[in-house]
Amino acid sequence: MLIDEVIKQNLLLRVGKNIRRIRKSKNMTQADLAFKLNADPGKIGRTERGEYDFKISSLLLIAKGLGVDICDLINENNEDQTKSA
C-alpha cells in the first residue's frame, strides 16, 4: 500500500469513528442522521466504518446534521470536545 493510501485510509477511519461517537452522544441512530441529511442510511454506516471516500461537501453536511464544527469530525483525540447543538 502506498503511503498516500495509508494516510487516506487512516483519515477515513478517524473521521468515521468521530462521526459514530458524536452521533451516539446525541442519541441518534444512523437512520436518524440519514433522515436529517436526506441520505442513504447505508452510506452513513459505510462512512462510519471508513469504507466510504466522502467529499468535503458531504463532510460539511454531516457536521451540520450533527450540530458540530467540521473540525470535530477530523481532529484526533477530541472525545471530550464534542459540542452540543
PDB file of N, CA and C in Angstrom:
ATOM      1  N   MET A   1       0.839  -1.174   0.000  1.00  0.00           N
ATOM      2  CA  MET A   1       0.000   0.000   0.000  1.00  0.00           C
ATOM      3  C   MET A   1       0.892   1.248   0.000  1.00  0.00           C
ATOM      4  N   LEU A   2       0.583   2.193  -0.819  1.00  0.00           N
ATOM      5  CA  LEU A   2       1.345   3.431  -0.875  1.00  0.00           C
ATOM      6  C   LEU A   2       1.091   4.275   0.366  1.00  0.00           C
ATOM      7  N   ILE A   3       2.064   5.098   0.701  1.00  0.00           N
ATOM      8  CA  ILE A   3       1.946   5.981   1.871  1.00  0.00           C
ATOM      9  C   ILE A   3       0.687   6.836   1.777  1.00  0.00           C
ATOM     10  N   ASP A   4       0.402   7.399   0.605  1.00  0.00           N
ATOM     11  CA  ASP A   4      -0.782   8.238   0.446  1.00  0.00           C
ATOM     12  C   ASP A   4      -2.061   7.467   0.739  1.00  0.00           C
ATOM     13  N   GLU A   5      -2.105   6.208   0.338  1.00  0.00           N
ATOM     14  CA  GLU A   5      -3.288   5.375   0.597  1.00  0.00           C
ATOM     15  C   GLU A   5      -3.434   5.086   2.088  1.00  0.00           C
ATOM     16  N   VAL A   6      -2.320   4.870   2.770  1.00  0.00           N
ATOM     17  CA  VAL A   6      -2.352   4.622   4.215  1.00  0.00           C
ATOM     18  C   VAL A   6      -2.860   5.865   4.937  1.00  0.00           C
ATOM     19  N   ILE A   7      -2.345   7.015   4.563  1.00  0.00           N
ATOM     20  CA  ILE A   7      -2.782   8.276   5.170  1.00  0.00           C
ATOM     21  C   ILE A   7      -4.263   8.488   4.923  1.00  0.00           C
ATOM     22  N   LYS A   8      -4.702   8.259   3.701  1.00  0.00           N
ATOM     23  CA  LYS A   8      -6.115   8.429   3.347  1.00  0.00           C
ATOM     24  C   LYS A   8      -6.985   7.476   4.155  1.00  0.00           C
ATOM     25  N   GLN A   9      -6.595   6.217   4.247  1.00  0.00           N
ATOM     26  CA  GLN A   9      -7.390   5.236   4.993  1.00  0.00           C
ATOM     27  C   GLN A   9      -7.457   5.598   6.475  1.00  0.00           C
ATOM     28  N   ASN A  10      -6.343   6.059   7.038  1.00  0.00           N
ATOM     29  CA  ASN A  10      -6.336   6.478   8.441  1.00  0.00           C
ATOM     30  C   ASN A  10      -7.281   7.655   8.667  1.00  0.00           C
ATOM     31  N   LEU A  11      -7.303   8.591   7.736  1.00  0.00           N
ATOM     32  CA  LEU A  11      -8.208   9.729   7.844  1.00  0.00           C
ATOM     33  C   LEU A  11      -9.661   9.272   7.774  1.00  0.00           C
ATOM     34  N   LEU A  12      -9.973   8.390   6.821  1.00  0.00           N
ATOM     35  CA  LEU A  12     -11.348   7.898   6.695  1.00  0.00           C
ATOM     36  C   LEU A  12     -11.787   7.175   7.962  1.00  0.00           C
ATOM     37  N   LEU A  13     -10.906   6.371   8.536  1.00  0.00           N
ATOM     38  CA  LEU A  13     -11.237   5.651   9.764  1.00  0.00           C
ATOM     39  C   LEU A  13     -11.431   6.610  10.941  1.00  0.00           C
ATOM     40  N   ARG A  14     -10.556   7.614  11.055  1.00  0.00           N
ATOM     41  CA  ARG A  14     -10.658   8.586  12.151  1.00  0.00           C
ATOM     42  C   ARG A  14     -11.946   9.382  12.051  1.00  0.00           C
ATOM     43  N   VAL A  15     -12.257   9.863  10.848  1.00  0.00           N
ATOM     44  CA  VAL A  15     -13.485  10.638  10.661  1.00  0.00           C
ATOM     45  C   VAL A  15     -14.706   9.769  10.955  1.00  0.00           C
ATOM     46  N   GLY A  16     -14.696   8.541  10.467  1.00  0.00           N
ATOM     47  CA  GLY A  16     -15.811   7.641  10.720  1.00  0.00           C
ATOM     48  C   GLY A  16     -16.021   7.389  12.200  1.00  0.00           C
ATOM     49  N   LYS A  17     -14.936   7.184  12.917  1.00  0.00           N
ATOM     50  CA  LYS A  17     -15.009   6.968  14.363  1.00  0.00           C
ATOM     51  C   LYS A  17     -15.587   8.198  15.062  1.00  0.00           C
ATOM     52  N   ASN A  18     -15.156   9.375  14.645  1.00  0.00           N
ATOM     53  CA  ASN A  18     -15.664  10.607  15.246  1.00  0.00           C
ATOM     54  C   ASN A  18     -17.147  10.802  14.943  1.00  0.00           C
ATOM     55  N   ILE A  19     -17.558  10.520  13.718  1.00  0.00           N
ATOM     56  CA  ILE A  19     -18.977  10.644  13.370  1.00  0.00           C
ATOM     57  C   ILE A  19     -19.797   9.714  14.251  1.00  0.00           C
ATOM     58  N   ARG A  20     -19.371   8.470  14.368  1.00  0.00           N
ATOM     59  CA  ARG A  20     -20.105   7.493  15.192  1.00  0.00           C
ATOM     60  C   ARG A  20     -20.187   7.960  16.648  1.00  0.00           C
ATOM     61  N   ARG A  21     -19.060   8.402  17.203  1.00  0.00           N
ATOM     62  CA  ARG A  21     -19.016   8.843  18.595  1.00  0.00           C
ATOM     63  C   ARG A  21     -19.947  10.022  18.839  1.00  0.00           C
ATOM     64  N   ILE A  22     -19.887  11.011  17.958  1.00  0.00           N
ATOM     65  CA  ILE A  22     -20.724  12.198  18.118  1.00  0.00           C
ATOM     66  C   ILE A  22     -22.193  11.847  17.927  1.00  0.00           C
ATOM     67  N   ARG A  23     -22.482  11.037  16.915  1.00  0.00           N
ATOM     68  CA  ARG A  23     -23.870  10.636  16.656  1.00  0.00           C
ATOM     69  C   ARG A  23     -24.450   9.929  17.870  1.00  0.00           C
ATOM     70  N   LYS A  24     -23.693   8.996  18.436  1.00  0.00           N
ATOM     71  CA  LYS A  24     -24.177   8.258  19.606  1.00  0.00           C
ATOM     72  C   LYS A  24     -24.316   9.161  20.820  1.00  0.00           C
ATOM     73  N   SER A  25     -23.420  10.146  20.961  1.00  0.00           N
ATOM     74  CA  SER A  25     -23.513  11.067  22.103  1.00  0.00           C
ATOM     75  C   SER A  25     -24.778  11.911  22.032  1.00  0.00           C
ATOM     76  N   LYS A  26     -25.331  12.038  20.839  1.00  0.00           N
ATOM     77  CA  LYS A  26     -26.573  12.789  20.637  1.00  0.00           C
ATOM     78  C   LYS A  26     -27.784  11.858  20.556  1.00  0.00           C
ATOM     79  N   ASN A  27     -27.574  10.587  20.938  1.00  0.00           N
ATOM     80  CA  ASN A  27     -28.636   9.573  20.935  1.00  0.00           C
ATOM     81  C   ASN A  27     -29.332   9.470  19.577  1.00  0.00           C
ATOM     82  N   MET A  28     -28.537   9.552  18.520  1.00  0.00           N
ATOM     83  CA  MET A  28     -29.060   9.424  17.161  1.00  0.00           C
ATOM     84  C   MET A  28     -28.672   8.066  16.597  1.00  0.00           C
ATOM     85  N   THR A  29     -29.567   7.474  15.828  1.00  0.00           N
ATOM     86  CA  THR A  29     -29.234   6.265  15.089  1.00  0.00           C
ATOM     87  C   THR A  29     -28.666   6.682  13.733  1.00  0.00           C
ATOM     88  N   GLN A  30     -28.110   5.718  13.020  1.00  0.00           N
ATOM     89  CA  GLN A  30     -27.666   6.009  11.661  1.00  0.00           C
ATOM     90  C   GLN A  30     -28.852   6.429  10.812  1.00  0.00           C
ATOM     91  N   ALA A  31     -29.998   5.807  11.040  1.00  0.00           N
ATOM     92  CA  ALA A  31     -31.202   6.162  10.282  1.00  0.00           C
ATOM     93  C   ALA A  31     -31.643   7.588  10.597  1.00  0.00           C
ATOM     94  N   ASP A  32     -31.528   7.997  11.866  1.00  0.00           N
ATOM     95  CA  ASP A  32     -31.878   9.375  12.243  1.00  0.00           C
ATOM     96  C   ASP A  32     -31.005  10.377  11.496  1.00  0.00           C
ATOM     97  N   LEU A  33     -29.707  10.116  11.503  1.00  0.00           N
ATOM     98  CA  LEU A  33     -28.781  11.028  10.822  1.00  0.00           C
ATOM     99  C   LEU A  33     -29.033  11.026   9.320  1.00  0.00           C
ATOM    100  N   ALA A  34     -29.245   9.861   8.752  1.00  0.00           N
ATOM    101  CA  ALA A  34     -29.516   9.765   7.314  1.00  0.00           C
ATOM    102  C   ALA A  34     -30.780  10.540   6.949  1.00  0.00           C
ATOM    103  N   PHE A  35     -31.812  10.421   7.766  1.00  0.00           N
ATOM    104  CA  PHE A  35     -33.055  11.146   7.506  1.00  0.00           C
ATOM    105  C   PHE A  35     -32.810  12.653   7.549  1.00  0.00           C
ATOM    106  N   LYS A  36     -32.050  13.095   8.551  1.00  0.00           N
ATOM    107  CA  LYS A  36     -31.752  14.522   8.698  1.00  0.00           C
ATOM    108  C   LYS A  36     -30.967  15.055   7.497  1.00  0.00           C
ATOM    109  N   LEU A  37     -30.134  14.194   6.899  1.00  0.00           N
ATOM    110  CA  LEU A  37     -29.294  14.599   5.767  1.00  0.00           C
ATOM    111  C   LEU A  37     -29.908  14.249   4.417  1.00  0.00           C
ATOM    112  N   ASN A  38     -31.070  13.587   4.445  1.00  0.00           N
ATOM    113  CA  ASN A  38     -31.691  13.099   3.220  1.00  0.00           C
ATOM    114  C   ASN A  38     -30.702  12.202   2.462  1.00  0.00           C
ATOM    115  N   ALA A  39     -30.110  11.275   3.226  1.00  0.00           N
ATOM    116  CA  ALA A  39     -29.073  10.390   2.685  1.00  0.00           C
ATOM    117  C   ALA A  39     -29.468   8.936   2.907  1.00  0.00           C
ATOM    118  N   ASP A  40     -28.752   8.055   2.262  1.00  0.00           N
ATOM    119  CA  ASP A  40     -28.939   6.623   2.408  1.00  0.00           C
ATOM    120  C   ASP A  40     -28.315   6.178   3.735  1.00  0.00           C
ATOM    121  N   PRO A  41     -29.086   5.489   4.609  1.00  0.00           N
ATOM    122  CA  PRO A  41     -28.513   5.031   5.878  1.00  0.00           C
ATOM    123  C   PRO A  41     -27.281   4.140   5.682  1.00  0.00           C
ATOM    124  N   GLY A  42     -27.250   3.386   4.597  1.00  0.00           N
ATOM    125  CA  GLY A  42     -26.086   2.548   4.310  1.00  0.00           C
ATOM    126  C   GLY A  42     -24.829   3.370   4.113  1.00  0.00           C
ATOM    127  N   LYS A  43     -24.975   4.552   3.525  1.00  0.00           N
ATOM    128  CA  LYS A  43     -23.823   5.427   3.315  1.00  0.00           C
ATOM    129  C   LYS A  43     -23.275   5.931   4.654  1.00  0.00           C
ATOM    130  N   ILE A  44     -24.180   6.183   5.609  1.00  0.00           N
ATOM    131  CA  ILE A  44     -23.743   6.609   6.941  1.00  0.00           C
ATOM    132  C   ILE A  44     -22.922   5.486   7.573  1.00  0.00           C
ATOM    133  N   GLY A  45     -23.410   4.270   7.485  1.00  0.00           N
ATOM    134  CA  GLY A  45     -22.682   3.125   8.038  1.00  0.00           C
ATOM    135  C   GLY A  45     -21.326   2.935   7.389  1.00  0.00           C
ATOM    136  N   ARG A  46     -21.279   3.025   6.070  1.00  0.00           N
ATOM    137  CA  ARG A  46     -20.002   2.871   5.355  1.00  0.00           C
ATOM    138  C   ARG A  46     -19.034   3.989   5.729  1.00  0.00           C
ATOM    139  N   THR A  47     -19.556   5.199   5.910  1.00  0.00           N
ATOM    140  CA  THR A  47     -18.712   6.326   6.303  1.00  0.00           C
ATOM    141  C   THR A  47     -18.143   6.086   7.696  1.00  0.00           C
ATOM    142  N   GLU A  48     -18.982   5.633   8.622  1.00  0.00           N
ATOM    143  CA  GLU A  48     -18.517   5.383   9.985  1.00  0.00           C
ATOM    144  C   GLU A  48     -17.484   4.262  10.046  1.00  0.00           C
ATOM    145  N   ARG A  49     -17.545   3.323   9.138  1.00  0.00           N
ATOM    146  CA  ARG A  49     -16.570   2.221   9.102  1.00  0.00           C
ATOM    147  C   ARG A  49     -15.322   2.571   8.290  1.00  0.00           C
ATOM    148  N   GLY A  50     -15.267   3.761   7.730  1.00  0.00           N
ATOM    149  CA  GLY A  50     -14.112   4.170   6.936  1.00  0.00           C
ATOM    150  C   GLY A  50     -14.094   3.564   5.553  1.00  0.00           C
ATOM    151  N   GLU A  51     -15.240   3.098   5.079  1.00  0.00           N
ATOM    152  CA  GLU A  51     -15.331   2.428   3.779  1.00  0.00           C
ATOM    153  C   GLU A  51     -15.795   3.357   2.663  1.00  0.00           C
ATOM    154  N   TYR A  52     -16.215   4.551   2.997  1.00  0.00           N
ATOM    155  CA  TYR A  52     -16.755   5.470   2.000  1.00  0.00           C
ATOM    156  C   TYR A  52     -15.850   6.681   1.892  1.00  0.00           C
ATOM    157  N   ASP A  53     -15.346   6.930   0.704  1.00  0.00           N
ATOM    158  CA  ASP A  53     -14.476   8.079   0.460  1.00  0.00           C
ATOM    159  C   ASP A  53     -15.354   9.280   0.148  1.00  0.00           C
ATOM    160  N   PHE A  54     -15.695  10.017   1.190  1.00  0.00           N
ATOM    161  CA  PHE A  54     -16.632  11.129   1.100  1.00  0.00           C
ATOM    162  C   PHE A  54     -16.006  12.357   0.451  1.00  0.00           C
ATOM    163  N   LYS A  55     -16.857  13.241   0.011  1.00  0.00           N
ATOM    164  CA  LYS A  55     -16.433  14.545  -0.483  1.00  0.00           C
ATOM    165  C   LYS A  55     -16.456  15.516   0.697  1.00  0.00           C
ATOM    166  N   ILE A  56     -15.693  16.573   0.602  1.00  0.00           N
ATOM    167  CA  ILE A  56     -15.695  17.595   1.651  1.00  0.00           C
ATOM    168  C   ILE A  56     -17.101  18.153   1.840  1.00  0.00           C
ATOM    169  N   SER A  57     -17.841  18.326   0.757  1.00  0.00           N
ATOM    170  CA  SER A  57     -19.204  18.854   0.881  1.00  0.00           C
ATOM    171  C   SER A  57     -20.078  17.904   1.694  1.00  0.00           C
ATOM    172  N   SER A  58     -19.869  16.597   1.556  1.00  0.00           N
ATOM    173  CA  SER A  58     -20.611  15.622   2.350  1.00  0.00           C
ATOM    174  C   SER A  58     -20.237  15.739   3.819  1.00  0.00           C
ATOM    175  N   LEU A  59     -18.960  15.936   4.083  1.00  0.00           N
ATOM    176  CA  LEU A  59     -18.497  16.078   5.451  1.00  0.00           C
ATOM    177  C   LEU A  59     -19.095  17.328   6.101  1.00  0.00           C
ATOM    178  N   LEU A  60     -19.209  18.398   5.331  1.00  0.00           N
ATOM    179  CA  LEU A  60     -19.833  19.620   5.855  1.00  0.00           C
ATOM    180  C   LEU A  60     -21.298  19.377   6.208  1.00  0.00           C
ATOM    181  N   LEU A  61     -22.009  18.642   5.368  1.00  0.00           N
ATOM    182  CA  LEU A  61     -23.411  18.327   5.646  1.00  0.00           C
ATOM    183  C   LEU A  61     -23.542  17.456   6.888  1.00  0.00           C
ATOM    184  N   ILE A  62     -22.660  16.481   7.036  1.00  0.00           N
ATOM    185  CA  ILE A  62     -22.704  15.617   8.216  1.00  0.00           C
ATOM    186  C   ILE A  62     -22.455  16.440   9.476  1.00  0.00           C
ATOM    187  N   ALA A  63     -21.453  17.307   9.440  1.00  0.00           N
ATOM    188  CA  ALA A  63     -21.163  18.161  10.594  1.00  0.00           C
ATOM    189  C   ALA A  63     -22.382  19.016  10.940  1.00  0.00           C
ATOM    190  N   LYS A  64     -23.006  19.588   9.929  1.00  0.00           N
ATOM    191  CA  LYS A  64     -24.204  20.403  10.168  1.00  0.00           C
ATOM    192  C   LYS A  64     -25.324  19.553  10.754  1.00  0.00           C
ATOM    193  N   GLY A  65     -25.512  18.352  10.222  1.00  0.00           N
ATOM    194  CA  GLY A  65     -26.552  17.465  10.723  1.00  0.00           C
ATOM    195  C   GLY A  65     -26.330  17.045  12.162  1.00  0.00           C
ATOM    196  N   LEU A  66     -25.066  16.952  12.558  1.00  0.00           N
ATOM    197  CA  LEU A  66     -24.733  16.594  13.935  1.00  0.00           C
ATOM    198  C   LEU A  66     -24.647  17.814  14.847  1.00  0.00           C
ATOM    199  N   GLY A  67     -24.677  19.001  14.246  1.00  0.00           N
ATOM    200  CA  GLY A  67     -24.594  20.231  15.032  1.00  0.00           C
ATOM    201  C   GLY A  67     -23.215  20.482  15.604  1.00  0.00           C
ATOM    202  N   VAL A  68     -22.174  20.087  14.853  1.00  0.00           N
ATOM    203  CA  VAL A  68     -20.801  20.292  15.308  1.00  0.00           C
ATOM    204  C   VAL A  68     -19.996  20.972  14.213  1.00  0.00           C
ATOM    205  N   ASP A  69     -18.833  21.442  14.582  1.00  0.00           N
ATOM    206  CA  ASP A  69     -17.900  22.026  13.634  1.00  0.00           C
ATOM    207  C   ASP A  69     -17.224  20.897  12.854  1.00  0.00           C
ATOM    208  N   ILE A  70     -16.919  21.135  11.603  1.00  0.00           N
ATOM    209  CA  ILE A  70     -16.275  20.103  10.781  1.00  0.00           C
ATOM    210  C   ILE A  70     -14.960  19.639  11.406  1.00  0.00           C
ATOM    211  N   CYS A  71     -14.289  20.504  12.129  1.00  0.00           N
ATOM    212  CA  CYS A  71     -13.032  20.123  12.792  1.00  0.00           C
ATOM    213  C   CYS A  71     -13.250  19.005  13.803  1.00  0.00           C
ATOM    214  N   ASP A  72     -14.433  18.959  14.413  1.00  0.00           N
ATOM    215  CA  ASP A  72     -14.731  17.897  15.375  1.00  0.00           C
ATOM    216  C   ASP A  72     -14.748  16.525  14.703  1.00  0.00           C
ATOM    217  N   LEU A  73     -15.010  16.486  13.412  1.00  0.00           N
ATOM    218  CA  LEU A  73     -15.032  15.230  12.686  1.00  0.00           C
ATOM    219  C   LEU A  73     -13.647  14.794  12.245  1.00  0.00           C
ATOM    220  N   ILE A  74     -12.753  15.740  12.095  1.00  0.00           N
ATOM    221  CA  ILE A  74     -11.429  15.465  11.548  1.00  0.00           C
ATOM    222  C   ILE A  74     -10.368  15.272  12.627  1.00  0.00           C
ATOM    223  N   ASN A  75     -10.475  16.021  13.708  1.00  0.00           N
ATOM    224  CA  ASN A  75      -9.445  16.001  14.746  1.00  0.00           C
ATOM    225  C   ASN A  75      -9.274  14.640  15.394  1.00  0.00           C
ATOM    226  N   GLU A  76      -8.038  14.383  15.800  1.00  0.00           N
ATOM    227  CA  GLU A  76      -7.738  13.182  16.576  1.00  0.00           C
ATOM    228  C   GLU A  76      -7.944  13.498  18.043  1.00  0.00           C
ATOM    229  N   ASN A  77      -8.285  12.471  18.813  1.00  0.00           N
ATOM    230  CA  ASN A  77      -8.375  12.590  20.275  1.00  0.00           C
ATOM    231  C   ASN A  77      -9.237  13.755  20.733  1.00  0.00           C
ATOM    232  N   ASN A  78     -10.409  13.900  20.142  1.00  0.00           N
ATOM    233  CA  ASN A  78     -11.273  15.004  20.541  1.00  0.00           C
ATOM    234  C   ASN A  78     -12.530  14.496  21.249  1.00  0.00           C
ATOM    235  N   GLU A  79     -12.415  13.382  21.962  1.00  0.00           N
ATOM    236  CA  GLU A  79     -13.574  12.774  22.611  1.00  0.00           C
ATOM    237  C   GLU A  79     -14.223  13.705  23.613  1.00  0.00           C
ATOM    238  N   ASP A  80     -13.464  14.568  24.247  1.00  0.00           N
ATOM    239  CA  ASP A  80     -14.013  15.462  25.249  1.00  0.00           C
ATOM    240  C   ASP A  80     -14.414  16.815  24.666  1.00  0.00           C
ATOM    241  N   GLN A  81     -14.295  16.961  23.361  1.00  0.00           N
ATOM    242  CA  GLN A  81     -14.558  18.254  22.736  1.00  0.00           C
ATOM    243  C   GLN A  81     -15.875  18.298  21.983  1.00  0.00           C
ATOM    244  N   THR A  82     -16.722  17.279  22.134  1.00  0.00           N
ATOM    245  CA  THR A  82     -17.986  17.239  21.404  1.00  0.00           C
ATOM    246  C   THR A  82     -18.838  18.418  21.828  1.00  0.00           C
ATOM    247  N   LYS A  83     -19.298  19.188  20.833  1.00  0.00           N
ATOM    248  CA  LYS A  83     -20.130  20.353  21.093  1.00  0.00           C
ATOM    249  C   LYS A  83     -21.592  19.971  20.997  1.00  0.00           C
ATOM    250  N   SER A  84     -22.401  20.599  21.782  1.00  0.00           N
ATOM    251  CA  SER A  84     -23.836  20.380  21.693  1.00  0.00           C
ATOM    252  C   SER A  84     -24.424  21.305  20.660  1.00  0.00           C
ATOM    253  N   ALA A  85     -25.508  20.836  20.025  1.00  0.00           N
ATOM    254  CA  ALA A  85     -26.169  21.655  19.007  1.00  0.00           C
ATOM    255  C   ALA A  85     -26.916  22.788  19.655  1.00  0.00           C
TER     256      ALA A  85
END
